[in-house]
Amino acid sequence: MYIQFVLPHGGSGIPAQHKLSLIKKEIQDWCTKYEVVGWSQKTIKYTHRLGFNDEKYFSLFSMTWNADFPFQIVNVANERY
């Protein structure tokens, strides 16, 4: 399971690299505020993924994330490769 943020590609608006840095800052602030330990991030093409070592943080994240960056929780078991 991971949390996915979609970055802009093409068109107008905030460039992907700038939006990515803003998202990373918000994630860092959120993790500090809620004392989250055991998390990782990676960016693949135009998506940024956030994962936690403990599944309880996914619920906490979905209830408390108030930054202006929409996200989606992705269950890896439901994806096809």
PDB file of N, CA and C in Angstrom:
ATOM      1  N   MET A   1       0.849  -1.160   0.000  1.00  0.00           N
ATOM      2  CA  MET A   1       0.000   0.000   0.000  1.00  0.00           C
ATOM      3  C   MET A   1       0.904   1.235   0.000  1.00  0.00           C
ATOM      4  N   TYR A   2       0.476   2.254  -0.713  1.00  0.00           N
ATOM      5  CA  TYR A   2       1.200   3.515  -0.709  1.00  0.00           C
ATOM      6  C   TYR A   2       0.250   4.658  -1.038  1.00  0.00           C
ATOM      7  N   ILE A   3       0.695   5.861  -0.759  1.00  0.00           N
ATOM      8  CA  ILE A   3      -0.063   7.070  -1.067  1.00  0.00           C
ATOM      9  C   ILE A   3       0.572   7.684  -2.301  1.00  0.00           C
ATOM     10  N   GLN A   4      -0.272   8.043  -3.248  1.00  0.00           N
ATOM     11  CA  GLN A   4       0.221   8.551  -4.529  1.00  0.00           C
ATOM     12  C   GLN A   4      -0.230   9.985  -4.752  1.00  0.00           C
ATOM     13  N   PHE A   5       0.712  10.801  -5.168  1.00  0.00           N
ATOM     14  CA  PHE A   5       0.445  12.176  -5.585  1.00  0.00           C
ATOM     15  C   PHE A   5       0.785  12.263  -7.065  1.00  0.00           C
ATOM     16  N   VAL A   6      -0.109  12.819  -7.862  1.00  0.00           N
ATOM     17  CA  VAL A   6       0.142  12.967  -9.296  1.00  0.00           C
ATOM     18  C   VAL A   6       0.740  14.343  -9.541  1.00  0.00           C
ATOM     19  N   LEU A   7       1.856  14.363 -10.253  1.00  0.00           N
ATOM     20  CA  LEU A   7       2.540  15.612 -10.575  1.00  0.00           C
ATOM     21  C   LEU A   7       2.095  16.104 -11.949  1.00  0.00           C
ATOM     22  N   PRO A   8       2.112  17.431 -12.160  1.00  0.00           N
ATOM     23  CA  PRO A   8       1.685  17.965 -13.454  1.00  0.00           C
ATOM     24  C   PRO A   8       2.695  17.620 -14.549  1.00  0.00           C
ATOM     25  N   HIS A   9       2.185  17.411 -15.733  1.00  0.00           N
ATOM     26  CA  HIS A   9       3.060  17.198 -16.889  1.00  0.00           C
ATOM     27  C   HIS A   9       2.393  17.832 -18.101  1.00  0.00           C
ATOM     28  N   GLY A  10       3.079  18.822 -18.639  1.00  0.00           N
ATOM     29  CA  GLY A  10       2.540  19.570 -19.773  1.00  0.00           C
ATOM     30  C   GLY A  10       1.556  20.629 -19.312  1.00  0.00           C
ATOM     31  N   GLY A  11       1.263  21.534 -20.181  1.00  0.00           N
ATOM     32  CA  GLY A  11       0.281  22.565 -19.879  1.00  0.00           C
ATOM     33  C   GLY A  11       0.826  23.649 -18.967  1.00  0.00           C
ATOM     34  N   SER A  12      -0.094  24.401 -18.396  1.00  0.00           N
ATOM     35  CA  SER A  12       0.309  25.504 -17.517  1.00  0.00           C
ATOM     36  C   SER A  12       0.152  25.097 -16.062  1.00  0.00           C
ATOM     37  N   GLY A  13       0.552  25.966 -15.185  1.00  0.00           N
ATOM     38  CA  GLY A  13       0.448  25.687 -13.758  1.00  0.00           C
ATOM     39  C   GLY A  13       1.822  25.500 -13.137  1.00  0.00           C
ATOM     40  N   ILE A  14       1.841  24.925 -11.951  1.00  0.00           N
ATOM     41  CA  ILE A  14       3.096  24.716 -11.221  1.00  0.00           C
ATOM     42  C   ILE A  14       3.902  23.621 -11.914  1.00  0.00           C
ATOM     43  N   PRO A  15       5.170  23.870 -12.234  1.00  0.00           N
ATOM     44  CA  PRO A  15       6.015  22.831 -12.834  1.00  0.00           C
ATOM     45  C   PRO A  15       6.171  21.640 -11.878  1.00  0.00           C
ATOM     46  N   ALA A  16       6.360  20.472 -12.448  1.00  0.00           N
ATOM     47  CA  ALA A  16       6.415  19.233 -11.671  1.00  0.00           C
ATOM     48  C   ALA A  16       7.479  19.276 -10.582  1.00  0.00           C
ATOM     49  N   GLN A  17       8.662  19.756 -10.886  1.00  0.00           N
ATOM     50  CA  GLN A  17       9.746  19.758  -9.901  1.00  0.00           C
ATOM     51  C   GLN A  17       9.420  20.662  -8.715  1.00  0.00           C
ATOM     52  N   HIS A  18       8.799  21.784  -8.991  1.00  0.00           N
ATOM     53  CA  HIS A  18       8.428  22.707  -7.912  1.00  0.00           C
ATOM     54  C   HIS A  18       7.326  22.096  -7.047  1.00  0.00           C
ATOM     55  N   LYS A  19       6.330  21.516  -7.698  1.00  0.00           N
ATOM     56  CA  LYS A  19       5.237  20.897  -6.944  1.00  0.00           C
ATOM     57  C   LYS A  19       5.771  19.729  -6.114  1.00  0.00           C
ATOM     58  N   LEU A  20       6.695  18.955  -6.668  1.00  0.00           N
ATOM     59  CA  LEU A  20       7.286  17.848  -5.930  1.00  0.00           C
ATOM     60  C   LEU A  20       7.988  18.342  -4.670  1.00  0.00           C
ATOM     61  N   SER A  21       8.734  19.423  -4.776  1.00  0.00           N
ATOM     62  CA  SER A  21       9.427  19.943  -3.588  1.00  0.00           C
ATOM     63  C   SER A  21       8.429  20.434  -2.540  1.00  0.00           C
ATOM     64  N   LEU A  22       7.321  21.014  -2.970  1.00  0.00           N
ATOM     65  CA  LEU A  22       6.288  21.451  -2.030  1.00  0.00           C
ATOM     66  C   LEU A  22       5.623  20.252  -1.338  1.00  0.00           C
ATOM     67  N   ILE A  23       5.338  19.215  -2.103  1.00  0.00           N
ATOM     68  CA  ILE A  23       4.734  18.000  -1.539  1.00  0.00           C
ATOM     69  C   ILE A  23       5.677  17.370  -0.524  1.00  0.00           C
ATOM     70  N   LYS A  24       6.963  17.256  -0.862  1.00  0.00           N
ATOM     71  CA  LYS A  24       7.937  16.670   0.061  1.00  0.00           C
ATOM     72  C   LYS A  24       8.033  17.465   1.360  1.00  0.00           C
ATOM     73  N   LYS A  25       7.981  18.776   1.258  1.00  0.00           N
ATOM     74  CA  LYS A  25       8.018  19.618   2.459  1.00  0.00           C
ATOM     75  C   LYS A  25       6.796  19.385   3.320  1.00  0.00           C
ATOM     76  N   GLU A  26       5.620  19.315   2.710  1.00  0.00           N
ATOM     77  CA  GLU A  26       4.388  19.067   3.451  1.00  0.00           C
ATOM     78  C   GLU A  26       4.411  17.687   4.116  1.00  0.00           C
ATOM     79  N   ILE A  27       4.932  16.684   3.407  1.00  0.00           N
ATOM     80  CA  ILE A  27       5.034  15.340   3.975  1.00  0.00           C
ATOM     81  C   ILE A  27       5.969  15.355   5.188  1.00  0.00           C
ATOM     82  N   GLN A  28       7.116  16.016   5.054  1.00  0.00           N
ATOM     83  CA  GLN A  28       8.068  16.109   6.171  1.00  0.00           C
ATOM     84  C   GLN A  28       7.417  16.778   7.376  1.00  0.00           C
ATOM     85  N   ASP A  29       6.716  17.879   7.137  1.00  0.00           N
ATOM     86  CA  ASP A  29       6.030  18.585   8.224  1.00  0.00           C
ATOM     87  C   ASP A  29       4.970  17.706   8.869  1.00  0.00           C
ATOM     88  N   TRP A  30       4.209  16.982   8.048  1.00  0.00           N
ATOM     89  CA  TRP A  30       3.162  16.104   8.570  1.00  0.00           C
ATOM     90  C   TRP A  30       3.765  14.990   9.415  1.00  0.00           C
ATOM     91  N   CYS A  31       4.819  14.369   8.929  1.00  0.00           N
ATOM     92  CA  CYS A  31       5.469  13.278   9.666  1.00  0.00           C
ATOM     93  C   CYS A  31       6.047  13.767  10.990  1.00  0.00           C
ATOM     94  N   THR A  32       6.580  14.959  11.001  1.00  0.00           N
ATOM     95  CA  THR A  32       7.107  15.537  12.232  1.00  0.00           C
ATOM     96  C   THR A  32       5.976  15.827  13.217  1.00  0.00           C
ATOM     97  N   LYS A  33       4.907  16.417  12.720  1.00  0.00           N
ATOM     98  CA  LYS A  33       3.767  16.774  13.570  1.00  0.00           C
ATOM     99  C   LYS A  33       3.159  15.551  14.237  1.00  0.00           C
ATOM    100  N   TYR A  34       3.005  14.454  13.491  1.00  0.00           N
ATOM    101  CA  TYR A  34       2.356  13.251  14.028  1.00  0.00           C
ATOM    102  C   TYR A  34       3.351  12.196  14.496  1.00  0.00           C
ATOM    103  N   GLU A  35       4.628  12.572  14.569  1.00  0.00           N
ATOM    104  CA  GLU A  35       5.683  11.708  15.084  1.00  0.00           C
ATOM    105  C   GLU A  35       5.701  10.344  14.389  1.00  0.00           C
ATOM    106  N   VAL A  36       5.637  10.391  13.068  1.00  0.00           N
ATOM    107  CA  VAL A  36       5.642   9.172  12.252  1.00  0.00           C
ATOM    108  C   VAL A  36       7.079   8.702  12.086  1.00  0.00           C
ATOM    109  N   VAL A  37       7.296   7.416  12.342  1.00  0.00           N
ATOM    110  CA  VAL A  37       8.610   6.812  12.113  1.00  0.00           C
ATOM    111  C   VAL A  37       8.442   5.703  11.081  1.00  0.00           C
ATOM    112  N   GLY A  38       9.452   5.501  10.267  1.00  0.00           N
ATOM    113  CA  GLY A  38       9.386   4.436   9.266  1.00  0.00           C
ATOM    114  C   GLY A  38       8.553   4.779   8.055  1.00  0.00           C
ATOM    115  N   TRP A  39       9.029   5.731   7.280  1.00  0.00           N
ATOM    116  CA  TRP A  39       8.338   6.098   6.046  1.00  0.00           C
ATOM    117  C   TRP A  39       9.365   6.319   4.943  1.00  0.00           C
ATOM    118  N   SER A  40       8.922   6.181   3.705  1.00  0.00           N
ATOM    119  CA  SER A  40       9.820   6.358   2.568  1.00  0.00           C
ATOM    120  C   SER A  40       9.063   7.015   1.426  1.00  0.00           C
ATOM    121  N   GLN A  41       9.825   7.616   0.507  1.00  0.00           N
ATOM    122  CA  GLN A  41       9.246   8.295  -0.644  1.00  0.00           C
ATOM    123  C   GLN A  41      10.044   7.949  -1.885  1.00  0.00           C
ATOM    124  N   LYS A  42       9.357   7.933  -3.019  1.00  0.00           N
ATOM    125  CA  LYS A  42      10.060   7.829  -4.290  1.00  0.00           C
ATOM    126  C   LYS A  42       9.175   8.398  -5.386  1.00  0.00           C
ATOM    127  N   THR A  43       9.836   8.921  -6.405  1.00  0.00           N
ATOM    128  CA  THR A  43       9.125   9.516  -7.528  1.00  0.00           C
ATOM    129  C   THR A  43       9.403   8.691  -8.766  1.00  0.00           C
ATOM    130  N   ILE A  44       8.324   8.307  -9.442  1.00  0.00           N
ATOM    131  CA  ILE A  44       8.419   7.533 -10.674  1.00  0.00           C
ATOM    132  C   ILE A  44       7.619   8.294 -11.730  1.00  0.00           C
ATOM    133  N   LYS A  45       8.328   8.741 -12.750  1.00  0.00           N
ATOM    134  CA  LYS A  45       7.733   9.561 -13.813  1.00  0.00           C
ATOM    135  C   LYS A  45       6.996  10.735 -13.191  1.00  0.00           C
ATOM    136  N   TYR A  46       5.712  10.835 -13.357  1.00  0.00           N
ATOM    137  CA  TYR A  46       4.960  11.964 -12.835  1.00  0.00           C
ATOM    138  C   TYR A  46       4.083  11.581 -11.652  1.00  0.00           C
ATOM    139  N   THR A  47       4.532  10.622 -10.852  1.00  0.00           N
ATOM    140  CA  THR A  47       3.841  10.282  -9.621  1.00  0.00           C
ATOM    141  C   THR A  47       4.848  10.213  -8.478  1.00  0.00           C
ATOM    142  N   HIS A  48       4.433  10.704  -7.334  1.00  0.00           N
ATOM    143  CA  HIS A  48       5.263  10.643  -6.135  1.00  0.00           C
ATOM    144  C   HIS A  48       4.570   9.697  -5.167  1.00  0.00           C
ATOM    145  N   ARG A  49       5.332   8.739  -4.633  1.00  0.00           N
ATOM    146  CA  ARG A  49       4.774   7.725  -3.751  1.00  0.00           C
ATOM    147  C   ARG A  49       5.308   7.884  -2.334  1.00  0.00           C
ATOM    148  N   LEU A  50       4.416   7.719  -1.388  1.00  0.00           N
ATOM    149  CA  LEU A  50       4.750   7.771   0.025  1.00  0.00           C
ATOM    150  C   LEU A  50       4.305   6.461   0.653  1.00  0.00           C
ATOM    151  N   GLY A  51       5.216   5.802   1.350  1.00  0.00           N
ATOM    152  CA  GLY A  51       4.885   4.544   2.017  1.00  0.00           C
ATOM    153  C   GLY A  51       5.234   4.608   3.487  1.00  0.00           C
ATOM    154  N   PHE A  52       4.523   3.822   4.281  1.00  0.00           N
ATOM    155  CA  PHE A  52       4.767   3.747   5.720  1.00  0.00           C
ATOM    156  C   PHE A  52       5.082   2.311   6.099  1.00  0.00           C
ATOM    157  N   ASN A  53       5.915   2.140   7.119  1.00  0.00           N
ATOM    158  CA  ASN A  53       6.237   0.797   7.611  1.00  0.00           C
ATOM    159  C   ASN A  53       5.108   0.216   8.450  1.00  0.00           C
ATOM    160  N   ASP A  54       4.237   1.066   8.962  1.00  0.00           N
ATOM    161  CA  ASP A  54       3.113   0.619   9.790  1.00  0.00           C
ATOM    162  C   ASP A  54       1.815   1.080   9.132  1.00  0.00           C
ATOM    163  N   GLU A  55       0.902   0.152   8.899  1.00  0.00           N
ATOM    164  CA  GLU A  55      -0.340   0.482   8.173  1.00  0.00           C
ATOM    165  C   GLU A  55      -1.239   1.459   8.913  1.00  0.00           C
ATOM    166  N   LYS A  56      -1.074   1.611  10.223  1.00  0.00           N
ATOM    167  CA  LYS A  56      -1.931   2.546  10.970  1.00  0.00           C
ATOM    168  C   LYS A  56      -1.763   3.982  10.480  1.00  0.00           C
ATOM    169  N   TYR A  57      -0.587   4.282   9.905  1.00  0.00           N
ATOM    170  CA  TYR A  57      -0.347   5.642   9.438  1.00  0.00           C
ATOM    171  C   TYR A  57      -1.158   5.994   8.193  1.00  0.00           C
ATOM    172  N   PHE A  58      -1.581   5.003   7.437  1.00  0.00           N
ATOM    173  CA  PHE A  58      -2.400   5.295   6.253  1.00  0.00           C
ATOM    174  C   PHE A  58      -3.745   5.890   6.664  1.00  0.00           C
ATOM    175  N   SER A  59      -4.347   5.351   7.714  1.00  0.00           N
ATOM    176  CA  SER A  59      -5.610   5.896   8.221  1.00  0.00           C
ATOM    177  C   SER A  59      -5.408   7.288   8.790  1.00  0.00           C
ATOM    178  N   LEU A  60      -4.345   7.433   9.578  1.00  0.00           N
ATOM    179  CA  LEU A  60      -4.044   8.732  10.158  1.00  0.00           C
ATOM    180  C   LEU A  60      -3.819   9.767   9.064  1.00  0.00           C
ATOM    181  N   PHE A  61      -3.085   9.394   8.038  1.00  0.00           N
ATOM    182  CA  PHE A  61      -2.808  10.316   6.934  1.00  0.00           C
ATOM    183  C   PHE A  61      -4.104  10.749   6.255  1.00  0.00           C
ATOM    184  N   SER A  62      -4.955   9.786   5.951  1.00  0.00           N
ATOM    185  CA  SER A  62      -6.187  10.129   5.233  1.00  0.00           C
ATOM    186  C   SER A  62      -7.121  11.011   6.056  1.00  0.00           C
ATOM    187  N   MET A  63      -7.051  10.909   7.375  1.00  0.00           N
ATOM    188  CA  MET A  63      -7.919  11.722   8.233  1.00  0.00           C
ATOM    189  C   MET A  63      -7.341  13.094   8.550  1.00  0.00           C
ATOM    190  N   THR A  64      -6.019  13.246   8.446  1.00  0.00           N
ATOM    191  CA  THR A  64      -5.412  14.489   8.922  1.00  0.00           C
ATOM    192  C   THR A  64      -4.689  15.301   7.854  1.00  0.00           C
ATOM    193  N   TRP A  65      -4.498  14.757   6.663  1.00  0.00           N
ATOM    194  CA  TRP A  65      -3.786  15.491   5.609  1.00  0.00           C
ATOM    195  C   TRP A  65      -4.630  16.680   5.189  1.00  0.00           C
ATOM    196  N   ASN A  66      -4.130  17.888   5.380  1.00  0.00           N
ATOM    197  CA  ASN A  66      -4.914  19.070   5.026  1.00  0.00           C
ATOM    198  C   ASN A  66      -4.176  19.987   4.053  1.00  0.00           C
ATOM    199  N   ALA A  67      -3.069  19.520   3.500  1.00  0.00           N
ATOM    200  CA  ALA A  67      -2.370  20.303   2.475  1.00  0.00           C
ATOM    201  C   ALA A  67      -3.198  20.289   1.194  1.00  0.00           C
ATOM    202  N   ASP A  68      -2.953  21.259   0.352  1.00  0.00           N
ATOM    203  CA  ASP A  68      -3.752  21.421  -0.870  1.00  0.00           C
ATOM    204  C   ASP A  68      -3.206  20.570  -2.014  1.00  0.00           C
ATOM    205  N   PHE A  69      -2.816  19.346  -1.711  1.00  0.00           N
ATOM    206  CA  PHE A  69      -2.319  18.413  -2.714  1.00  0.00           C
ATOM    207  C   PHE A  69      -3.159  17.146  -2.636  1.00  0.00           C
ATOM    208  N   PRO A  70      -3.989  16.885  -3.638  1.00  0.00           N
ATOM    209  CA  PRO A  70      -4.809  15.683  -3.598  1.00  0.00           C
ATOM    210  C   PRO A  70      -3.949  14.421  -3.672  1.00  0.00           C
ATOM    211  N   PHE A  71      -4.444  13.363  -3.058  1.00  0.00           N
ATOM    212  CA  PHE A  71      -3.714  12.102  -3.022  1.00  0.00           C
ATOM    213  C   PHE A  71      -4.678  10.938  -3.221  1.00  0.00           C
ATOM    214  N   GLN A  72      -4.099   9.796  -3.458  1.00  0.00           N
ATOM    215  CA  GLN A  72      -4.876   8.561  -3.600  1.00  0.00           C
ATOM    216  C   GLN A  72      -4.124   7.463  -2.862  1.00  0.00           C
ATOM    217  N   ILE A  73      -4.847   6.656  -2.103  1.00  0.00           N
ATOM    218  CA  ILE A  73      -4.227   5.507  -1.450  1.00  0.00           C
ATOM    219  C   ILE A  73      -4.352   4.327  -2.397  1.00  0.00           C
ATOM    220  N   VAL A  74      -3.229   3.728  -2.721  1.00  0.00           N
ATOM    221  CA  VAL A  74      -3.177   2.634  -3.696  1.00  0.00           C
ATOM    222  C   VAL A  74      -2.838   1.342  -2.958  1.00  0.00           C
ATOM    223  N   ASN A  75      -3.663   0.332  -3.163  1.00  0.00           N
ATOM    224  CA  ASN A  75      -3.410  -0.984  -2.581  1.00  0.00           C
ATOM    225  C   ASN A  75      -2.674  -1.807  -3.637  1.00  0.00           C
ATOM    226  N   VAL A  76      -1.430  -2.144  -3.369  1.00  0.00           N
ATOM    227  CA  VAL A  76      -0.594  -2.842  -4.347  1.00  0.00           C
ATOM    228  C   VAL A  76      -1.181  -4.205  -4.719  1.00  0.00           C
ATOM    229  N   ALA A  77      -1.880  -4.845  -3.817  1.00  0.00           N
ATOM    230  CA  ALA A  77      -2.470  -6.154  -4.091  1.00  0.00           C
ATOM    231  C   ALA A  77      -3.501  -6.078  -5.207  1.00  0.00           C
ATOM    232  N   ASN A  78      -4.082  -4.906  -5.444  1.00  0.00           N
ATOM    233  CA  ASN A  78      -5.101  -4.748  -6.475  1.00  0.00           C
ATOM    234  C   ASN A  78      -4.529  -4.318  -7.818  1.00  0.00           C
ATOM    235  N   GLU A  79      -3.220  -4.061  -7.891  1.00  0.00           N
ATOM    236  CA  GLU A  79      -2.623  -3.619  -9.145  1.00  0.00           C
ATOM    237  C   GLU A  79      -2.144  -4.806  -9.967  1.00  0.00           C
ATOM    238  N   ARG A  80      -2.151  -4.629 -11.273  1.00  0.00           N
ATOM    239  CA  ARG A  80      -1.668  -5.653 -12.194  1.00  0.00           C
ATOM    240  C   ARG A  80      -0.291  -5.265 -12.712  1.00  0.00           C
ATOM    241  N   TYR A  81       0.574  -6.236 -12.834  1.00  0.00           N
ATOM    242  CA  TYR A  81       1.904  -5.998 -13.380  1.00  0.00           C
ATOM    243  C   TYR A  81       2.122  -6.853 -14.587  1.00  0.00           C
TER     244      TYR A  81
END
